[in-house]
PDB file of all heavy atoms in Angstrom:
ATOM      1  N   GLU A   1      14.696  -6.806  15.235  1.00  0.00           N
ATOM      2  CA  GLU A   1      14.183  -5.403  15.516  1.00  0.00           C
ATOM      3  C   GLU A   1      13.274  -5.030  14.366  1.00  0.00           C
ATOM      4  O   GLU A   1      12.194  -4.480  14.562  1.00  0.00           O
ATOM      5  CB  GLU A   1      15.425  -4.476  15.515  1.00  0.00           C
ATOM      6  CG  GLU A   1      16.242  -4.638  16.782  1.00  0.00           C
ATOM      7  CD  GLU A   1      17.297  -3.499  17.005  1.00  0.00           C
ATOM      8  OE1 GLU A   1      17.516  -2.825  16.050  1.00  0.00           O
ATOM      9  OE2 GLU A   1      17.781  -3.417  18.096  1.00  0.00           O
ATOM     10  N   THR A   2      13.618  -5.334  13.116  1.00  0.00           N
ATOM     11  CA  THR A   2      12.716  -5.008  11.985  1.00  0.00           C
ATOM     12  C   THR A   2      11.413  -5.720  12.112  1.00  0.00           C
ATOM     13  O   THR A   2      10.329  -5.059  11.816  1.00  0.00           O
ATOM     14  CB  THR A   2      13.387  -5.447  10.671  1.00  0.00           C
ATOM     15  OG1 THR A   2      14.720  -5.065  10.581  1.00  0.00           O
ATOM     16  CG2 THR A   2      12.730  -4.929   9.412  1.00  0.00           C
ATOM     17  N   GLU A   3      11.484  -7.026  12.483  1.00  0.00           N
ATOM     18  CA  GLU A   3      10.214  -7.744  12.706  1.00  0.00           C
ATOM     19  C   GLU A   3       9.318  -7.097  13.871  1.00  0.00           C
ATOM     20  O   GLU A   3       8.154  -6.955  13.705  1.00  0.00           O
ATOM     21  CB  GLU A   3      10.468  -9.224  13.019  1.00  0.00           C
ATOM     22  CG  GLU A   3      10.793 -10.036  11.733  1.00  0.00           C
ATOM     23  CD  GLU A   3      11.287 -11.393  11.994  1.00  0.00           C
ATOM     24  OE1 GLU A   3      11.190 -11.865  13.180  1.00  0.00           O
ATOM     25  OE2 GLU A   3      11.785 -12.063  11.141  1.00  0.00           O
ATOM     26  N   THR A   4       9.996  -6.792  14.903  1.00  0.00           N
ATOM     27  CA  THR A   4       9.286  -6.187  16.056  1.00  0.00           C
ATOM     28  C   THR A   4       8.633  -4.866  15.575  1.00  0.00           C
ATOM     29  O   THR A   4       7.470  -4.592  15.908  1.00  0.00           O
ATOM     30  CB  THR A   4      10.310  -5.874  17.191  1.00  0.00           C
ATOM     31  OG1 THR A   4      10.974  -7.103  17.530  1.00  0.00           O
ATOM     32  CG2 THR A   4       9.533  -5.319  18.383  1.00  0.00           C
ATOM     33  N   LEU A   5       9.353  -4.082  14.886  1.00  0.00           N
ATOM     34  CA  LEU A   5       8.770  -2.786  14.463  1.00  0.00           C
ATOM     35  C   LEU A   5       7.590  -2.938  13.473  1.00  0.00           C
ATOM     36  O   LEU A   5       6.620  -2.312  13.581  1.00  0.00           O
ATOM     37  CB  LEU A   5       9.887  -1.868  13.783  1.00  0.00           C
ATOM     38  CG  LEU A   5      10.888  -1.279  14.697  1.00  0.00           C
ATOM     39  CD1 LEU A   5      12.090  -0.592  13.893  1.00  0.00           C
ATOM     40  CD2 LEU A   5      10.252  -0.240  15.629  1.00  0.00           C
ATOM     41  N   GLN A   6       7.777  -3.932  12.627  1.00  0.00           N
ATOM     42  CA  GLN A   6       6.639  -4.182  11.619  1.00  0.00           C
ATOM     43  C   GLN A   6       5.445  -4.744  12.403  1.00  0.00           C
ATOM     44  O   GLN A   6       4.344  -4.212  12.065  1.00  0.00           O
ATOM     45  CB  GLN A   6       7.147  -5.329  10.616  1.00  0.00           C
ATOM     46  CG  GLN A   6       6.279  -5.300   9.418  1.00  0.00           C
ATOM     47  CD  GLN A   6       5.979  -3.950   8.773  1.00  0.00           C
ATOM     48  OE1 GLN A   6       6.876  -3.263   8.353  1.00  0.00           O
ATOM     49  NE2 GLN A   6       4.785  -3.557   8.710  1.00  0.00           N
ATOM     50  N   LYS A   7       5.637  -5.532  13.414  1.00  0.00           N
ATOM     51  CA  LYS A   7       4.478  -6.016  14.267  1.00  0.00           C
ATOM     52  C   LYS A   7       3.824  -4.761  14.953  1.00  0.00           C
ATOM     53  O   LYS A   7       2.639  -4.680  14.890  1.00  0.00           O
ATOM     54  CB  LYS A   7       5.012  -6.958  15.279  1.00  0.00           C
ATOM     55  CG  LYS A   7       3.972  -7.623  16.072  1.00  0.00           C
ATOM     56  CD  LYS A   7       4.452  -8.524  17.182  1.00  0.00           C
ATOM     57  CE  LYS A   7       3.332  -8.963  18.082  1.00  0.00           C
ATOM     58  NZ  LYS A   7       3.787  -9.703  19.290  1.00  0.00           N
ATOM     59  N   LEU A   8       4.642  -3.815  15.435  1.00  0.00           N
ATOM     60  CA  LEU A   8       4.154  -2.669  16.090  1.00  0.00           C
ATOM     61  C   LEU A   8       3.191  -1.859  15.092  1.00  0.00           C
ATOM     62  O   LEU A   8       2.172  -1.474  15.442  1.00  0.00           O
ATOM     63  CB  LEU A   8       5.268  -1.779  16.628  1.00  0.00           C
ATOM     64  CG  LEU A   8       4.863  -0.460  17.204  1.00  0.00           C
ATOM     65  CD1 LEU A   8       4.146  -0.663  18.533  1.00  0.00           C
ATOM     66  CD2 LEU A   8       6.129   0.349  17.523  1.00  0.00           C
ATOM     67  N   TYR A   9       3.826  -1.563  13.939  1.00  0.00           N
ATOM     68  CA  TYR A   9       3.085  -0.818  12.878  1.00  0.00           C
ATOM     69  C   TYR A   9       1.824  -1.498  12.520  1.00  0.00           C
ATOM     70  O   TYR A   9       0.758  -0.851  12.436  1.00  0.00           O
ATOM     71  CB  TYR A   9       3.871  -0.576  11.728  1.00  0.00           C
ATOM     72  CG  TYR A   9       5.199   0.239  11.894  1.00  0.00           C
ATOM     73  CD1 TYR A   9       6.368  -0.179  11.209  1.00  0.00           C
ATOM     74  CD2 TYR A   9       5.267   1.233  12.809  1.00  0.00           C
ATOM     75  CE1 TYR A   9       7.598   0.493  11.444  1.00  0.00           C
ATOM     76  CE2 TYR A   9       6.534   1.897  13.106  1.00  0.00           C
ATOM     77  CZ  TYR A   9       7.701   1.478  12.390  1.00  0.00           C
ATOM     78  OH  TYR A   9       8.856   2.226  12.718  1.00  0.00           O
ATOM     79  N   ASP A  10       1.845  -2.785  12.302  1.00  0.00           N
ATOM     80  CA  ASP A  10       0.644  -3.605  11.857  1.00  0.00           C
ATOM     81  C   ASP A  10      -0.436  -3.455  13.004  1.00  0.00           C
ATOM     82  O   ASP A  10      -1.628  -3.275  12.580  1.00  0.00           O
ATOM     83  CB  ASP A  10       0.975  -5.045  11.601  1.00  0.00           C
ATOM     84  CG  ASP A  10       1.852  -5.197  10.427  1.00  0.00           C
ATOM     85  OD1 ASP A  10       1.964  -4.249   9.639  1.00  0.00           O
ATOM     86  OD2 ASP A  10       2.399  -6.344  10.214  1.00  0.00           O
ATOM     87  N   LEU A  11       0.002  -3.671  14.303  1.00  0.00           N
ATOM     88  CA  LEU A  11      -0.971  -3.545  15.333  1.00  0.00           C
ATOM     89  C   LEU A  11      -1.639  -2.164  15.485  1.00  0.00           C
ATOM     90  O   LEU A  11      -2.810  -1.961  15.592  1.00  0.00           O
ATOM     91  CB  LEU A  11      -0.315  -3.925  16.651  1.00  0.00           C
ATOM     92  CG  LEU A  11      -0.135  -5.427  16.877  1.00  0.00           C
ATOM     93  CD1 LEU A  11       0.767  -5.775  18.066  1.00  0.00           C
ATOM     94  CD2 LEU A  11      -1.415  -6.261  16.920  1.00  0.00           C
ATOM     95  N   LEU A  12      -0.688  -1.194  15.416  1.00  0.00           N
ATOM     96  CA  LEU A  12      -1.218   0.237  15.581  1.00  0.00           C
ATOM     97  C   LEU A  12      -2.176   0.668  14.451  1.00  0.00           C
ATOM     98  O   LEU A  12      -3.010   1.497  14.593  1.00  0.00           O
ATOM     99  CB  LEU A  12      -0.032   1.173  15.601  1.00  0.00           C
ATOM    100  CG  LEU A  12       0.745   1.242  16.909  1.00  0.00           C
ATOM    101  CD1 LEU A  12       2.012   2.215  16.766  1.00  0.00           C
ATOM    102  CD2 LEU A  12      -0.118   1.702  18.084  1.00  0.00           C
ATOM    103  N   GLU A  13      -1.995  -0.010  13.294  1.00  0.00           N
ATOM    104  CA  GLU A  13      -2.877   0.326  12.088  1.00  0.00           C
ATOM    105  C   GLU A  13      -4.005  -0.638  11.944  1.00  0.00           C
ATOM    106  O   GLU A  13      -4.734  -0.562  10.875  1.00  0.00           O
ATOM    107  CB  GLU A  13      -1.992   0.333  10.868  1.00  0.00           C
ATOM    108  CG  GLU A  13      -0.922   1.458  10.735  1.00  0.00           C
ATOM    109  CD  GLU A  13      -0.001   1.222   9.597  1.00  0.00           C
ATOM    110  OE1 GLU A  13      -0.390   0.524   8.659  1.00  0.00           O
ATOM    111  OE2 GLU A  13       1.103   1.784   9.674  1.00  0.00           O
ATOM    112  N   ALA A  14      -4.132  -1.577  12.851  1.00  0.00           N
ATOM    113  CA  ALA A  14      -5.160  -2.696  12.743  1.00  0.00           C
ATOM    114  C   ALA A  14      -6.553  -2.148  12.622  1.00  0.00           C
ATOM    115  O   ALA A  14      -6.920  -1.086  13.149  1.00  0.00           O
ATOM    116  CB  ALA A  14      -4.965  -3.641  13.831  1.00  0.00           C
ATOM    117  N   LYS A  15      -7.435  -2.942  11.977  1.00  0.00           N
ATOM    118  CA  LYS A  15      -8.871  -2.692  11.856  1.00  0.00           C
ATOM    119  C   LYS A  15      -9.536  -2.784  13.228  1.00  0.00           C
ATOM    120  O   LYS A  15     -10.362  -1.878  13.682  1.00  0.00           O
ATOM    121  CB  LYS A  15      -9.600  -3.548  10.939  1.00  0.00           C
ATOM    122  CG  LYS A  15      -9.237  -3.335   9.422  1.00  0.00           C
ATOM    123  CD  LYS A  15     -10.326  -2.464   8.770  1.00  0.00           C
ATOM    124  CE  LYS A  15     -10.087  -2.305   7.332  1.00  0.00           C
ATOM    125  NZ  LYS A  15      -8.924  -1.432   7.055  1.00  0.00           N
ATOM    126  N   GLY A  16      -9.250  -3.857  13.942  1.00  0.00           N
ATOM    127  CA  GLY A  16     -10.008  -4.151  15.256  1.00  0.00           C
ATOM    128  C   GLY A  16      -9.420  -3.313  16.342  1.00  0.00           C
ATOM    129  O   GLY A  16      -8.216  -3.093  16.491  1.00  0.00           O
ATOM    130  N   PHE A  17     -10.265  -2.780  17.269  1.00  0.00           N
ATOM    131  CA  PHE A  17      -9.720  -1.864  18.214  1.00  0.00           C
ATOM    132  C   PHE A  17      -8.910  -2.530  19.338  1.00  0.00           C
ATOM    133  O   PHE A  17      -7.961  -2.003  19.848  1.00  0.00           O
ATOM    134  CB  PHE A  17     -10.896  -1.061  18.959  1.00  0.00           C
ATOM    135  CG  PHE A  17     -11.585  -1.747  19.987  1.00  0.00           C
ATOM    136  CD1 PHE A  17     -11.259  -1.650  21.311  1.00  0.00           C
ATOM    137  CD2 PHE A  17     -12.747  -2.543  19.640  1.00  0.00           C
ATOM    138  CE1 PHE A  17     -11.952  -2.288  22.342  1.00  0.00           C
ATOM    139  CE2 PHE A  17     -13.477  -3.234  20.687  1.00  0.00           C
ATOM    140  CZ  PHE A  17     -13.073  -3.068  22.040  1.00  0.00           C
ATOM    141  N   GLU A  18      -9.099  -3.841  19.561  1.00  0.00           N
ATOM    142  CA  GLU A  18      -8.413  -4.602  20.531  1.00  0.00           C
ATOM    143  C   GLU A  18      -6.933  -4.728  19.982  1.00  0.00           C
ATOM    144  O   GLU A  18      -6.002  -4.663  20.759  1.00  0.00           O
ATOM    145  CB  GLU A  18      -8.999  -6.030  20.695  1.00  0.00           C
ATOM    146  CG  GLU A  18     -10.025  -6.020  21.871  1.00  0.00           C
ATOM    147  CD  GLU A  18     -11.375  -6.411  21.137  1.00  0.00           C
ATOM    148  OE1 GLU A  18     -11.614  -6.243  19.905  1.00  0.00           O
ATOM    149  OE2 GLU A  18     -12.281  -6.934  21.917  1.00  0.00           O
ATOM    150  N   ALA A  19      -6.766  -5.010  18.692  1.00  0.00           N
ATOM    151  CA  ALA A  19      -5.467  -5.137  18.122  1.00  0.00           C
ATOM    152  C   ALA A  19      -4.697  -3.695  18.286  1.00  0.00           C
ATOM    153  O   ALA A  19      -3.489  -3.759  18.565  1.00  0.00           O
ATOM    154  CB  ALA A  19      -5.565  -5.505  16.703  1.00  0.00           C
ATOM    155  N   ARG A  20      -5.469  -2.716  18.094  1.00  0.00           N
ATOM    156  CA  ARG A  20      -4.770  -1.392  18.221  1.00  0.00           C
ATOM    157  C   ARG A  20      -4.361  -1.163  19.631  1.00  0.00           C
ATOM    158  O   ARG A  20      -3.322  -0.604  19.874  1.00  0.00           O
ATOM    159  CB  ARG A  20      -5.762  -0.252  17.718  1.00  0.00           C
ATOM    160  CG  ARG A  20      -6.047  -0.263  16.244  1.00  0.00           C
ATOM    161  CD  ARG A  20      -6.566   1.020  15.649  1.00  0.00           C
ATOM    162  NE  ARG A  20      -7.750   1.522  16.343  1.00  0.00           N
ATOM    163  CZ  ARG A  20      -9.097   1.205  15.964  1.00  0.00           C
ATOM    164  NH1 ARG A  20      -9.266   0.218  15.074  1.00  0.00           N
ATOM    165  NH2 ARG A  20     -10.100   1.732  16.594  1.00  0.00           N
ATOM    166  N   MET A  21      -5.214  -1.584  20.633  1.00  0.00           N
ATOM    167  CA  MET A  21      -4.786  -1.415  22.016  1.00  0.00           C
ATOM    168  C   MET A  21      -3.570  -2.381  22.261  1.00  0.00           C
ATOM    169  O   MET A  21      -2.740  -1.938  23.081  1.00  0.00           O
ATOM    170  CB  MET A  21      -6.003  -1.786  22.907  1.00  0.00           C
ATOM    171  CG  MET A  21      -7.031  -0.754  22.934  1.00  0.00           C
ATOM    172  SD  MET A  21      -8.593  -1.290  23.865  1.00  0.00           S
ATOM    173  CE  MET A  21      -8.012  -0.877  25.543  1.00  0.00           C
ATOM    174  N   GLU A  22      -3.466  -3.415  21.643  1.00  0.00           N
ATOM    175  CA  GLU A  22      -2.318  -4.320  21.761  1.00  0.00           C
ATOM    176  C   GLU A  22      -1.020  -3.651  21.291  1.00  0.00           C
ATOM    177  O   GLU A  22       0.006  -3.670  21.890  1.00  0.00           O
ATOM    178  CB  GLU A  22      -2.557  -5.559  20.895  1.00  0.00           C
ATOM    179  CG  GLU A  22      -2.310  -6.862  21.615  1.00  0.00           C
ATOM    180  CD  GLU A  22      -2.627  -8.065  20.687  1.00  0.00           C
ATOM    181  OE1 GLU A  22      -3.800  -8.365  20.455  1.00  0.00           O
ATOM    182  OE2 GLU A  22      -1.634  -8.609  20.196  1.00  0.00           O
ATOM    183  N   GLY A  23      -1.196  -2.834  20.176  1.00  0.00           N
ATOM    184  CA  GLY A  23      -0.188  -2.078  19.599  1.00  0.00           C
ATOM    185  C   GLY A  23       0.347  -1.031  20.566  1.00  0.00           C
ATOM    186  O   GLY A  23       1.573  -0.790  20.761  1.00  0.00           O
ATOM    187  N   VAL A  24      -0.640  -0.359  21.261  1.00  0.00           N
ATOM    188  CA  VAL A  24      -0.210   0.672  22.177  1.00  0.00           C
ATOM    189  C   VAL A  24       0.594   0.016  23.358  1.00  0.00           C
ATOM    190  O   VAL A  24       1.581   0.577  23.759  1.00  0.00           O
ATOM    191  CB  VAL A  24      -1.502   1.404  22.702  1.00  0.00           C
ATOM    192  CG1 VAL A  24      -1.153   2.353  23.788  1.00  0.00           C
ATOM    193  CG2 VAL A  24      -2.129   2.192  21.502  1.00  0.00           C
ATOM    194  N   ALA A  25       0.116  -1.110  23.793  1.00  0.00           N
ATOM    195  CA  ALA A  25       0.662  -1.784  25.019  1.00  0.00           C
ATOM    196  C   ALA A  25       2.163  -2.215  24.467  1.00  0.00           C
ATOM    197  O   ALA A  25       3.075  -2.167  25.261  1.00  0.00           O
ATOM    198  CB  ALA A  25      -0.064  -3.063  25.355  1.00  0.00           C
ATOM    199  N   LEU A  26       2.207  -2.704  23.198  1.00  0.00           N
ATOM    200  CA  LEU A  26       3.625  -3.188  22.783  1.00  0.00           C
ATOM    201  C   LEU A  26       4.555  -1.969  22.696  1.00  0.00           C
ATOM    202  O   LEU A  26       5.716  -2.111  23.041  1.00  0.00           O
ATOM    203  CB  LEU A  26       3.430  -3.727  21.342  1.00  0.00           C
ATOM    204  CG  LEU A  26       4.732  -4.148  20.635  1.00  0.00           C
ATOM    205  CD1 LEU A  26       5.528  -5.234  21.454  1.00  0.00           C
ATOM    206  CD2 LEU A  26       4.462  -4.699  19.202  1.00  0.00           C
ATOM    207  N   LEU A  27       4.103  -0.873  22.308  1.00  0.00           N
ATOM    208  CA  LEU A  27       4.935   0.355  22.253  1.00  0.00           C
ATOM    209  C   LEU A  27       5.448   0.627  23.664  1.00  0.00           C
ATOM    210  O   LEU A  27       6.704   1.022  23.843  1.00  0.00           O
ATOM    211  CB  LEU A  27       4.141   1.582  21.682  1.00  0.00           C
ATOM    212  CG  LEU A  27       4.951   2.932  21.665  1.00  0.00           C
ATOM    213  CD1 LEU A  27       6.275   2.749  20.893  1.00  0.00           C
ATOM    214  CD2 LEU A  27       4.132   4.052  21.098  1.00  0.00           C
ATOM    215  N   LEU A  28       4.569   0.664  24.722  1.00  0.00           N
ATOM    216  CA  LEU A  28       5.050   0.926  26.059  1.00  0.00           C
ATOM    217  C   LEU A  28       6.139   0.013  26.430  1.00  0.00           C
ATOM    218  O   LEU A  28       7.094   0.290  27.038  1.00  0.00           O
ATOM    219  CB  LEU A  28       3.835   0.898  26.977  1.00  0.00           C
ATOM    220  CG  LEU A  28       4.170   1.203  28.433  1.00  0.00           C
ATOM    221  CD1 LEU A  28       4.898   2.608  28.593  1.00  0.00           C
ATOM    222  CD2 LEU A  28       2.988   1.179  29.317  1.00  0.00           C
ATOM    223  N   ASP A  29       5.860  -1.335  26.106  1.00  0.00           N
ATOM    224  CA  ASP A  29       6.815  -2.336  26.419  1.00  0.00           C
ATOM    225  C   ASP A  29       8.163  -2.050  25.778  1.00  0.00           C
ATOM    226  O   ASP A  29       9.166  -2.214  26.363  1.00  0.00           O
ATOM    227  CB  ASP A  29       6.132  -3.705  25.890  1.00  0.00           C
ATOM    228  CG  ASP A  29       6.910  -4.827  26.526  1.00  0.00           C
ATOM    229  OD1 ASP A  29       7.060  -4.797  27.720  1.00  0.00           O
ATOM    230  OD2 ASP A  29       7.276  -5.868  25.783  1.00  0.00           O
ATOM    231  N   LEU A  30       8.168  -1.734  24.571  1.00  0.00           N
ATOM    232  CA  LEU A  30       9.405  -1.383  23.801  1.00  0.00           C
ATOM    233  C   LEU A  30      10.130  -0.182  24.397  1.00  0.00           C
ATOM    234  O   LEU A  30      11.384  -0.187  24.467  1.00  0.00           O
ATOM    235  CB  LEU A  30       9.107  -1.146  22.321  1.00  0.00           C
ATOM    236  CG  LEU A  30       8.738  -2.319  21.456  1.00  0.00           C
ATOM    237  CD1 LEU A  30       8.316  -1.915  20.040  1.00  0.00           C
ATOM    238  CD2 LEU A  30       9.924  -3.370  21.401  1.00  0.00           C
ATOM    239  N   CYS A  31       9.330   0.789  24.881  1.00  0.00           N
ATOM    240  CA  CYS A  31       9.938   1.985  25.427  1.00  0.00           C
ATOM    241  C   CYS A  31      10.658   1.568  26.746  1.00  0.00           C
ATOM    242  O   CYS A  31      11.765   2.121  27.020  1.00  0.00           O
ATOM    243  CB  CYS A  31       8.906   3.050  25.750  1.00  0.00           C
ATOM    244  SG  CYS A  31       8.262   3.863  24.341  1.00  0.00           S
ATOM    245  N   LYS A  32      10.072   0.653  27.457  1.00  0.00           N
ATOM    246  CA  LYS A  32      10.689   0.252  28.746  1.00  0.00           C
ATOM    247  C   LYS A  32      11.946  -0.698  28.449  1.00  0.00           C
ATOM    248  O   LYS A  32      12.958  -0.610  29.198  1.00  0.00           O
ATOM    249  CB  LYS A  32       9.695  -0.514  29.622  1.00  0.00           C
ATOM    250  CG  LYS A  32       8.669   0.386  30.157  1.00  0.00           C
ATOM    251  CD  LYS A  32       7.649  -0.410  31.011  1.00  0.00           C
ATOM    252  CE  LYS A  32       6.560   0.510  31.649  1.00  0.00           C
ATOM    253  NZ  LYS A  32       5.472  -0.221  32.198  1.00  0.00           N
ATOM    254  N   ASN A  33      11.798  -1.528  27.481  1.00  0.00           N
ATOM    255  CA  ASN A  33      12.864  -2.603  27.328  1.00  0.00           C
ATOM    256  C   ASN A  33      13.847  -2.291  26.165  1.00  0.00           C
ATOM    257  O   ASN A  33      14.967  -2.808  26.198  1.00  0.00           O
ATOM    258  CB  ASN A  33      12.141  -3.956  27.080  1.00  0.00           C
ATOM    259  CG  ASN A  33      11.423  -4.266  28.323  1.00  0.00           C
ATOM    260  OD1 ASN A  33      11.881  -4.216  29.457  1.00  0.00           O
ATOM    261  ND2 ASN A  33      10.138  -4.667  28.130  1.00  0.00           N
ATOM    262  N   SER A  34      13.463  -1.590  25.171  1.00  0.00           N
ATOM    263  CA  SER A  34      14.411  -1.178  24.067  1.00  0.00           C
ATOM    264  C   SER A  34      14.246   0.312  23.697  1.00  0.00           C
ATOM    265  O   SER A  34      13.920   0.668  22.566  1.00  0.00           O
ATOM    266  CB  SER A  34      14.031  -1.998  22.774  1.00  0.00           C
ATOM    267  OG  SER A  34      13.680  -3.386  23.137  1.00  0.00           O
ATOM    268  N   PRO A  35      14.559   1.210  24.663  1.00  0.00           N
ATOM    269  CA  PRO A  35      14.270   2.618  24.337  1.00  0.00           C
ATOM    270  C   PRO A  35      15.124   3.140  23.187  1.00  0.00           C
ATOM    271  O   PRO A  35      14.625   3.985  22.434  1.00  0.00           O
ATOM    272  CB  PRO A  35      14.745   3.325  25.685  1.00  0.00           C
ATOM    273  CG  PRO A  35      15.414   2.262  26.440  1.00  0.00           C
ATOM    274  CD  PRO A  35      14.972   0.939  25.956  1.00  0.00           C
ATOM    275  N   LYS A  36      16.376   2.473  22.988  1.00  0.00           N
ATOM    276  CA  LYS A  36      17.118   2.955  21.867  1.00  0.00           C
ATOM    277  C   LYS A  36      16.433   2.691  20.499  1.00  0.00           C
ATOM    278  O   LYS A  36      16.409   3.497  19.596  1.00  0.00           O
ATOM    279  CB  LYS A  36      18.450   2.257  21.829  1.00  0.00           C
ATOM    280  CG  LYS A  36      19.483   2.920  22.882  1.00  0.00           C
ATOM    281  CD  LYS A  36      20.911   2.916  22.158  1.00  0.00           C
ATOM    282  CE  LYS A  36      21.863   3.730  23.025  1.00  0.00           C
ATOM    283  NZ  LYS A  36      22.164   3.126  24.369  1.00  0.00           N
ATOM    284  N   LEU A  37      15.864   1.451  20.458  1.00  0.00           N
ATOM    285  CA  LEU A  37      15.129   1.107  19.202  1.00  0.00           C
ATOM    286  C   LEU A  37      14.106   2.100  18.884  1.00  0.00           C
ATOM    287  O   LEU A  37      13.881   2.514  17.742  1.00  0.00           O
ATOM    288  CB  LEU A  37      14.582  -0.277  19.335  1.00  0.00           C
ATOM    289  CG  LEU A  37      13.716  -0.834  18.148  1.00  0.00           C
ATOM    290  CD1 LEU A  37      14.584  -0.916  16.896  1.00  0.00           C
ATOM    291  CD2 LEU A  37      13.070  -2.119  18.476  1.00  0.00           C
ATOM    292  N   VAL A  38      13.318   2.410  19.990  1.00  0.00           N
ATOM    293  CA  VAL A  38      12.092   3.415  19.799  1.00  0.00           C
ATOM    294  C   VAL A  38      12.691   4.767  19.378  1.00  0.00           C
ATOM    295  O   VAL A  38      12.158   5.389  18.472  1.00  0.00           O
ATOM    296  CB  VAL A  38      11.312   3.392  21.055  1.00  0.00           C
ATOM    297  CG1 VAL A  38      10.193   4.553  20.928  1.00  0.00           C
ATOM    298  CG2 VAL A  38      10.746   2.036  21.392  1.00  0.00           C
ATOM    299  N   ALA A  39      13.733   5.264  20.069  1.00  0.00           N
ATOM    300  CA  ALA A  39      14.253   6.548  19.916  1.00  0.00           C
ATOM    301  C   ALA A  39      14.791   6.630  18.353  1.00  0.00           C
ATOM    302  O   ALA A  39      14.546   7.700  17.761  1.00  0.00           O
ATOM    303  CB  ALA A  39      15.404   6.856  20.823  1.00  0.00           C
ATOM    304  N   THR A  40      15.435   5.571  17.957  1.00  0.00           N
ATOM    305  CA  THR A  40      15.934   5.666  16.543  1.00  0.00           C
ATOM    306  C   THR A  40      14.878   5.710  15.464  1.00  0.00           C
ATOM    307  O   THR A  40      15.017   6.287  14.441  1.00  0.00           O
ATOM    308  CB  THR A  40      16.778   4.351  16.202  1.00  0.00           C
ATOM    309  OG1 THR A  40      17.638   4.095  17.391  1.00  0.00           O
ATOM    310  CG2 THR A  40      17.573   4.445  15.012  1.00  0.00           C
TER     311      THR A  40
END
């Protein structure tokens, strides 16, 4: 979970816009599959 969250933060803060879009997609994925993790 810690690694997943770190990956999410890194992508959302990335320099390249494609990476940031990946971060947004990852967040949606996490909301669907690990809503508790996101909520916490």
